[in-house]
PDB file of all heavy atoms in Angstrom:
ATOM      1  N   CYS A   1      92.829  79.593  93.280  1.00  0.00           N
ATOM      2  CA  CYS A   1      92.241  80.859  92.820  1.00  0.00           C
ATOM      3  C   CYS A   1      91.682  81.643  94.011  1.00  0.00           C
ATOM      4  O   CYS A   1      92.003  82.806  94.200  1.00  0.00           O
ATOM      5  CB  CYS A   1      91.142  80.566  91.813  1.00  0.00           C
ATOM      6  SG  CYS A   1      90.256  82.057  91.301  1.00  0.00           S
ATOM      7  N   TYR A   2      90.831  80.986  94.833  1.00  0.00           N
ATOM      8  CA  TYR A   2      90.249  81.661  95.988  1.00  0.00           C
ATOM      9  C   TYR A   2      91.321  82.064  96.988  1.00  0.00           C
ATOM     10  O   TYR A   2      91.270  83.150  97.559  1.00  0.00           O
ATOM     11  CB  TYR A   2      89.213  80.762  96.665  1.00  0.00           C
ATOM     12  CG  TYR A   2      87.981  80.534  95.823  1.00  0.00           C
ATOM     13  CD1 TYR A   2      87.563  79.254  95.482  1.00  0.00           C
ATOM     14  CD2 TYR A   2      87.238  81.614  95.358  1.00  0.00           C
ATOM     15  CE1 TYR A   2      86.433  79.051  94.694  1.00  0.00           C
ATOM     16  CE2 TYR A   2      86.112  81.424  94.571  1.00  0.00           C
ATOM     17  CZ  TYR A   2      85.719  80.134  94.246  1.00  0.00           C
ATOM     18  OH  TYR A   2      84.610  79.945  93.476  1.00  0.00           O
ATOM     19  N   ARG A   3      92.296  81.177  97.158  1.00  0.00           N
ATOM     20  CA  ARG A   3      93.363  81.461  98.124  1.00  0.00           C
ATOM     21  C   ARG A   3      94.120  82.727  97.728  1.00  0.00           C
ATOM     22  O   ARG A   3      94.424  83.563  98.571  1.00  0.00           O
ATOM     23  CB  ARG A   3      94.311  80.265  98.213  1.00  0.00           C
ATOM     24  CG  ARG A   3      95.387  80.457  99.269  1.00  0.00           C
ATOM     25  CD  ARG A   3      96.304  79.265  99.311  1.00  0.00           C
ATOM     26  NE  ARG A   3      97.504  79.569 100.079  1.00  0.00           N
ATOM     27  CZ  ARG A   3      98.545  78.776 100.162  1.00  0.00           C
ATOM     28  NH1 ARG A   3      98.558  77.623  99.540  1.00  0.00           N
ATOM     29  NH2 ARG A   3      99.597  79.111 100.869  1.00  0.00           N
ATOM     30  N   GLU A   4      94.430  82.865  96.431  1.00  0.00           N
ATOM     31  CA  GLU A   4      95.151  84.053  95.952  1.00  0.00           C
ATOM     32  C   GLU A   4      94.337  85.322  96.172  1.00  0.00           C
ATOM     33  O   GLU A   4      94.865  86.349  96.604  1.00  0.00           O
ATOM     34  CB  GLU A   4      95.495  83.897  94.467  1.00  0.00           C
ATOM     35  CG  GLU A   4      96.629  82.909  94.194  1.00  0.00           C
ATOM     36  CD  GLU A   4      96.849  82.681  92.704  1.00  0.00           C
ATOM     37  OE1 GLU A   4      96.302  83.455  91.899  1.00  0.00           O
ATOM     38  OE2 GLU A   4      97.552  81.716  92.371  1.00  0.00           O
ATOM     39  N   ASN A   5      93.030  85.239  95.886  1.00  0.00           N
ATOM     40  CA  ASN A   5      92.153  86.404  96.077  1.00  0.00           C
ATOM     41  C   ASN A   5      92.036  86.775  97.547  1.00  0.00           C
ATOM     42  O   ASN A   5      92.026  87.948  97.909  1.00  0.00           O
ATOM     43  CB  ASN A   5      90.756  86.110  95.511  1.00  0.00           C
ATOM     44  CG  ASN A   5      90.723  86.225  93.997  1.00  0.00           C
ATOM     45  OD1 ASN A   5      91.560  86.889  93.411  1.00  0.00           O
ATOM     46  ND2 ASN A   5      89.764  85.569  93.371  1.00  0.00           N
ATOM     47  N   ILE A   6      91.939  85.749  98.400  1.00  0.00           N
ATOM     48  CA  ILE A   6      91.844  85.993  99.848  1.00  0.00           C
ATOM     49  C   ILE A   6      93.128  86.644 100.352  1.00  0.00           C
ATOM     50  O   ILE A   6      93.098  87.617 101.109  1.00  0.00           O
ATOM     51  CB  ILE A   6      91.556  84.679 100.608  1.00  0.00           C
ATOM     52  CG1 ILE A   6      90.141  84.183 100.301  1.00  0.00           C
ATOM     53  CG2 ILE A   6      91.704  84.878 102.120  1.00  0.00           C
ATOM     54  CD1 ILE A   6      89.853  82.773 100.770  1.00  0.00           C
ATOM     55  N   LEU A   7      94.269  86.125  99.894  1.00  0.00           N
ATOM     56  CA  LEU A   7      95.568  86.659 100.301  1.00  0.00           C
ATOM     57  C   LEU A   7      95.716  88.120  99.880  1.00  0.00           C
ATOM     58  O   LEU A   7      96.112  88.981 100.682  1.00  0.00           O
ATOM     59  CB  LEU A   7      96.690  85.811  99.691  1.00  0.00           C
ATOM     60  CG  LEU A   7      98.127  86.207 100.044  1.00  0.00           C
ATOM     61  CD1 LEU A   7      98.367  86.075 101.530  1.00  0.00           C
ATOM     62  CD2 LEU A   7      99.133  85.350  99.275  1.00  0.00           C
ATOM     63  N   LYS A   8      95.363  88.399  98.638  1.00  0.00           N
ATOM     64  CA  LYS A   8      95.488  89.762  98.093  1.00  0.00           C
ATOM     65  C   LYS A   8      94.577  90.736  98.856  1.00  0.00           C
ATOM     66  O   LYS A   8      94.993  91.842  99.222  1.00  0.00           O
ATOM     67  CB  LYS A   8      95.108  89.744  96.600  1.00  0.00           C
ATOM     68  CG  LYS A   8      95.296  91.075  95.888  1.00  0.00           C
ATOM     69  CD  LYS A   8      95.007  90.938  94.397  1.00  0.00           C
ATOM     70  CE  LYS A   8      93.532  90.742  94.151  1.00  0.00           C
ATOM     71  NZ  LYS A   8      93.174  90.720  92.719  1.00  0.00           N
ATOM     72  N   THR A   9      93.330  90.327  99.095  1.00  0.00           N
ATOM     73  CA  THR A   9      92.373  91.201  99.790  1.00  0.00           C
ATOM     74  C   THR A   9      92.750  91.383 101.251  1.00  0.00           C
ATOM     75  O   THR A   9      92.589  92.468 101.819  1.00  0.00           O
ATOM     76  CB  THR A   9      90.941  90.620  99.684  1.00  0.00           C
ATOM     77  OG1 THR A   9      90.706  90.164  98.350  1.00  0.00           O
ATOM     78  CG2 THR A   9      89.908  91.666 100.026  1.00  0.00           C
ATOM     79  N   ALA A  10      93.277  90.323 101.870  1.00  0.00           N
ATOM     80  CA  ALA A  10      93.710  90.421 103.273  1.00  0.00           C
ATOM     81  C   ALA A  10      94.871  91.406 103.412  1.00  0.00           C
ATOM     82  O   ALA A  10      94.937  92.172 104.381  1.00  0.00           O
ATOM     83  CB  ALA A  10      94.115  89.043 103.787  1.00  0.00           C
ATOM     84  N   LYS A  11      95.789  91.371 102.447  1.00  0.00           N
ATOM     85  CA  LYS A  11      96.914  92.326 102.465  1.00  0.00           C
ATOM     86  C   LYS A  11      96.399  93.760 102.375  1.00  0.00           C
ATOM     87  O   LYS A  11      96.904  94.663 103.049  1.00  0.00           O
ATOM     88  CB  LYS A  11      97.871  92.034 101.305  1.00  0.00           C
ATOM     89  CG  LYS A  11      98.818  90.868 101.567  1.00  0.00           C
ATOM     90  CD  LYS A  11      99.772  90.679 100.407  1.00  0.00           C
ATOM     91  CE  LYS A  11     100.767  89.538 100.680  1.00  0.00           C
ATOM     92  NZ  LYS A  11     101.642  89.280  99.518  1.00  0.00           N
ATOM     93  N   ALA A  12      95.390  93.957 101.524  1.00  0.00           N
ATOM     94  CA  ALA A  12      94.798  95.297 101.382  1.00  0.00           C
ATOM     95  C   ALA A  12      94.169  95.738 102.703  1.00  0.00           C
ATOM     96  O   ALA A  12      94.248  96.912 103.081  1.00  0.00           O
ATOM     97  CB  ALA A  12      93.746  95.283 100.275  1.00  0.00           C
ATOM     98  N   LEU A  13      93.571  94.785 103.424  1.00  0.00           N
ATOM     99  CA  LEU A  13      92.942  95.108 104.706  1.00  0.00           C
ATOM    100  C   LEU A  13      93.981  95.490 105.757  1.00  0.00           C
ATOM    101  O   LEU A  13      93.742  96.378 106.584  1.00  0.00           O
ATOM    102  CB  LEU A  13      92.102  93.918 105.193  1.00  0.00           C
ATOM    103  CG  LEU A  13      91.189  94.183 106.386  1.00  0.00           C
ATOM    104  CD1 LEU A  13      90.206  95.308 106.089  1.00  0.00           C
ATOM    105  CD2 LEU A  13      90.423  92.919 106.761  1.00  0.00           C
ATOM    106  N   VAL A  14      95.133  94.854 105.720  1.00  0.00           N
ATOM    107  CA  VAL A  14      96.219  95.203 106.646  1.00  0.00           C
ATOM    108  C   VAL A  14      96.683  96.644 106.373  1.00  0.00           C
ATOM    109  O   VAL A  14      96.947  97.416 107.301  1.00  0.00           O
ATOM    110  CB  VAL A  14      97.399  94.215 106.531  1.00  0.00           C
ATOM    111  CG1 VAL A  14      98.611  94.712 107.323  1.00  0.00           C
ATOM    112  CG2 VAL A  14      96.989  92.831 107.040  1.00  0.00           C
ATOM    113  N   GLU A  15      96.757  97.001 105.087  1.00  0.00           N
ATOM    114  CA  GLU A  15      97.118  98.383 104.733  1.00  0.00           C
ATOM    115  C   GLU A  15      96.067  99.365 105.227  1.00  0.00           C
ATOM    116  O   GLU A  15      96.383 100.453 105.716  1.00  0.00           O
ATOM    117  CB  GLU A  15      97.282  98.512 103.198  1.00  0.00           C
ATOM    118  CG  GLU A  15      98.491  97.779 102.643  1.00  0.00           C
ATOM    119  CD  GLU A  15      99.798  98.168 103.327  1.00  0.00           C
ATOM    120  OE1 GLU A  15     100.064  99.381 103.463  1.00  0.00           O
ATOM    121  OE2 GLU A  15     100.545  97.259 103.755  1.00  0.00           O
ATOM    122  N   ASP A  16      94.785  98.966 105.108  1.00  0.00           N
ATOM    123  CA  ASP A  16      93.696  99.804 105.628  1.00  0.00           C
ATOM    124  C   ASP A  16      93.817  99.981 107.144  1.00  0.00           C
ATOM    125  O   ASP A  16      93.529 101.048 107.683  1.00  0.00           O
ATOM    126  CB  ASP A  16      92.329  99.169 105.310  1.00  0.00           C
ATOM    127  CG  ASP A  16      91.945  99.309 103.842  1.00  0.00           C
ATOM    128  OD1 ASP A  16      92.435 100.245 103.198  1.00  0.00           O
ATOM    129  OD2 ASP A  16      91.165  98.479 103.357  1.00  0.00           O
ATOM    130  N   THR A  17      94.240  98.921 107.822  1.00  0.00           N
ATOM    131  CA  THR A  17      94.431  98.972 109.278  1.00  0.00           C
ATOM    132  C   THR A  17      95.479 100.014 109.645  1.00  0.00           C
ATOM    133  O   THR A  17      95.299 100.808 110.571  1.00  0.00           O
ATOM    134  CB  THR A  17      94.861  97.583 109.815  1.00  0.00           C
ATOM    135  OG1 THR A  17      93.841  96.630 109.521  1.00  0.00           O
ATOM    136  CG2 THR A  17      95.083  97.613 111.314  1.00  0.00           C
ATOM    137  N   LYS A  18      96.583 100.013 108.890  1.00  0.00           N
ATOM    138  CA  LYS A  18      97.647 101.002 109.127  1.00  0.00           C
ATOM    139  C   LYS A  18      97.123 102.425 108.938  1.00  0.00           C
ATOM    140  O   LYS A  18      97.443 103.341 109.711  1.00  0.00           O
ATOM    141  CB  LYS A  18      98.823 100.748 108.187  1.00  0.00           C
ATOM    142  CG  LYS A  18      99.587  99.458 108.469  1.00  0.00           C
ATOM    143  CD  LYS A  18     100.677  99.244 107.431  1.00  0.00           C
ATOM    144  CE  LYS A  18     101.379  97.901 107.604  1.00  0.00           C
ATOM    145  NZ  LYS A  18     102.334  97.636 106.513  1.00  0.00           N
ATOM    146  N   LEU A  19      96.302 102.603 107.885  1.00  0.00           N
ATOM    147  CA  LEU A  19      95.743 103.931 107.605  1.00  0.00           C
ATOM    148  C   LEU A  19      94.780 104.371 108.710  1.00  0.00           C
ATOM    149  O   LEU A  19      94.734 105.546 109.073  1.00  0.00           O
ATOM    150  CB  LEU A  19      95.001 103.921 106.254  1.00  0.00           C
ATOM    151  CG  LEU A  19      95.878 103.868 104.994  1.00  0.00           C
ATOM    152  CD1 LEU A  19      95.025 103.702 103.748  1.00  0.00           C
ATOM    153  CD2 LEU A  19      96.731 105.138 104.881  1.00  0.00           C
ATOM    154  N   LEU A  20      94.026 103.409 109.240  1.00  0.00           N
ATOM    155  CA  LEU A  20      93.102 103.729 110.338  1.00  0.00           C
ATOM    156  C   LEU A  20      93.857 104.209 111.571  1.00  0.00           C
ATOM    157  O   LEU A  20      93.485 105.199 112.202  1.00  0.00           O
ATOM    158  CB  LEU A  20      92.267 102.499 110.696  1.00  0.00           C
ATOM    159  CG  LEU A  20      90.962 102.277 109.936  1.00  0.00           C
ATOM    160  CD1 LEU A  20      90.390 100.910 110.264  1.00  0.00           C
ATOM    161  CD2 LEU A  20      89.944 103.368 110.257  1.00  0.00           C
ATOM    162  N   VAL A  21      94.929 103.489 111.902  1.00  0.00           N
ATOM    163  CA  VAL A  21      95.718 103.841 113.087  1.00  0.00           C
ATOM    164  C   VAL A  21      96.370 105.216 112.915  1.00  0.00           C
ATOM    165  O   VAL A  21      96.319 106.060 113.809  1.00  0.00           O
ATOM    166  CB  VAL A  21      96.787 102.766 113.378  1.00  0.00           C
ATOM    167  CG1 VAL A  21      97.691 103.195 114.530  1.00  0.00           C
ATOM    168  CG2 VAL A  21      96.121 101.438 113.721  1.00  0.00           C
ATOM    169  N   SER A  22      96.972 105.442 111.748  1.00  0.00           N
ATOM    170  CA  SER A  22      97.608 106.748 111.497  1.00  0.00           C
ATOM    171  C   SER A  22      96.558 107.847 111.350  1.00  0.00           C
ATOM    172  O   SER A  22      96.807 109.011 111.666  1.00  0.00           O
ATOM    173  CB  SER A  22      98.484 106.687 110.241  1.00  0.00           C
ATOM    174  OG  SER A  22      97.701 106.398 109.101  1.00  0.00           O
ATOM    175  N   GLY A  23      95.349 107.461 110.905  1.00  0.00           N
ATOM    176  CA  GLY A  23      94.270 108.432 110.702  1.00  0.00           C
ATOM    177  C   GLY A  23      93.786 109.063 111.985  1.00  0.00           C
ATOM    178  O   GLY A  23      93.228 110.158 111.984  1.00  0.00           O
ATOM    179  N   ALA A  24      94.001 108.368 113.104  1.00  0.00           N
ATOM    180  CA  ALA A  24      93.565 108.906 114.398  1.00  0.00           C
ATOM    181  C   ALA A  24      94.290 110.204 114.728  1.00  0.00           C
ATOM    182  O   ALA A  24      93.766 111.048 115.464  1.00  0.00           O
ATOM    183  CB  ALA A  24      93.813 107.881 115.500  1.00  0.00           C
ATOM    184  N   ALA A  25      95.495 110.340 114.170  1.00  0.00           N
ATOM    185  CA  ALA A  25      96.290 111.540 114.461  1.00  0.00           C
ATOM    186  C   ALA A  25      96.177 112.587 113.352  1.00  0.00           C
ATOM    187  O   ALA A  25      96.795 113.642 113.429  1.00  0.00           O
ATOM    188  CB  ALA A  25      97.753 111.144 114.652  1.00  0.00           C
ATOM    189  N   SER A  26      95.409 112.289 112.307  1.00  0.00           N
ATOM    190  CA  SER A  26      95.284 113.246 111.197  1.00  0.00           C
ATOM    191  C   SER A  26      93.866 113.821 111.132  1.00  0.00           C
ATOM    192  O   SER A  26      93.121 113.778 112.108  1.00  0.00           O
ATOM    193  CB  SER A  26      95.666 112.560 109.878  1.00  0.00           C
ATOM    194  OG  SER A  26      94.860 111.429 109.658  1.00  0.00           O
ATOM    195  N   SER A  27      93.482 114.299 109.983  1.00  0.00           N
ATOM    196  CA  SER A  27      92.195 114.990 109.846  1.00  0.00           C
ATOM    197  C   SER A  27      91.014 114.022 109.852  1.00  0.00           C
ATOM    198  O   SER A  27      91.160 112.830 109.592  1.00  0.00           O
ATOM    199  CB  SER A  27      92.178 115.786 108.539  1.00  0.00           C
ATOM    200  OG  SER A  27      92.181 114.888 107.433  1.00  0.00           O
ATOM    201  N   GLN A  28      89.831 114.578 110.126  1.00  0.00           N
ATOM    202  CA  GLN A  28      88.603 113.780 110.120  1.00  0.00           C
ATOM    203  C   GLN A  28      88.325 113.197 108.736  1.00  0.00           C
ATOM    204  O   GLN A  28      87.824 112.081 108.613  1.00  0.00           O
ATOM    205  CB  GLN A  28      87.413 114.655 110.556  1.00  0.00           C
ATOM    206  CG  GLN A  28      87.415 115.023 112.025  1.00  0.00           C
ATOM    207  CD  GLN A  28      87.137 113.839 112.931  1.00  0.00           C
ATOM    208  OE1 GLN A  28      86.254 113.035 112.661  1.00  0.00           O
ATOM    209  NE2 GLN A  28      87.901 113.708 114.007  1.00  0.00           N
ATOM    210  N   ASP A  29      88.674 113.975 107.693  1.00  0.00           N
ATOM    211  CA  ASP A  29      88.461 113.501 106.317  1.00  0.00           C
ATOM    212  C   ASP A  29      89.282 112.247 106.023  1.00  0.00           C
ATOM    213  O   ASP A  29      88.775 111.282 105.447  1.00  0.00           O
ATOM    214  CB  ASP A  29      88.833 114.597 105.305  1.00  0.00           C
ATOM    215  CG  ASP A  29      87.771 115.686 105.229  1.00  0.00           C
ATOM    216  OD1 ASP A  29      86.666 115.447 105.762  1.00  0.00           O
ATOM    217  OD2 ASP A  29      88.040 116.751 104.644  1.00  0.00           O
TER     218      ASP A  29
END
């Protein structure tokens, strides 16, 4: 149960990482 939740949340964090990197070239918002 914990492993599945950790895996799912970690994947979401990787997506957030991509958005952060691309966000550097976009708007402040």
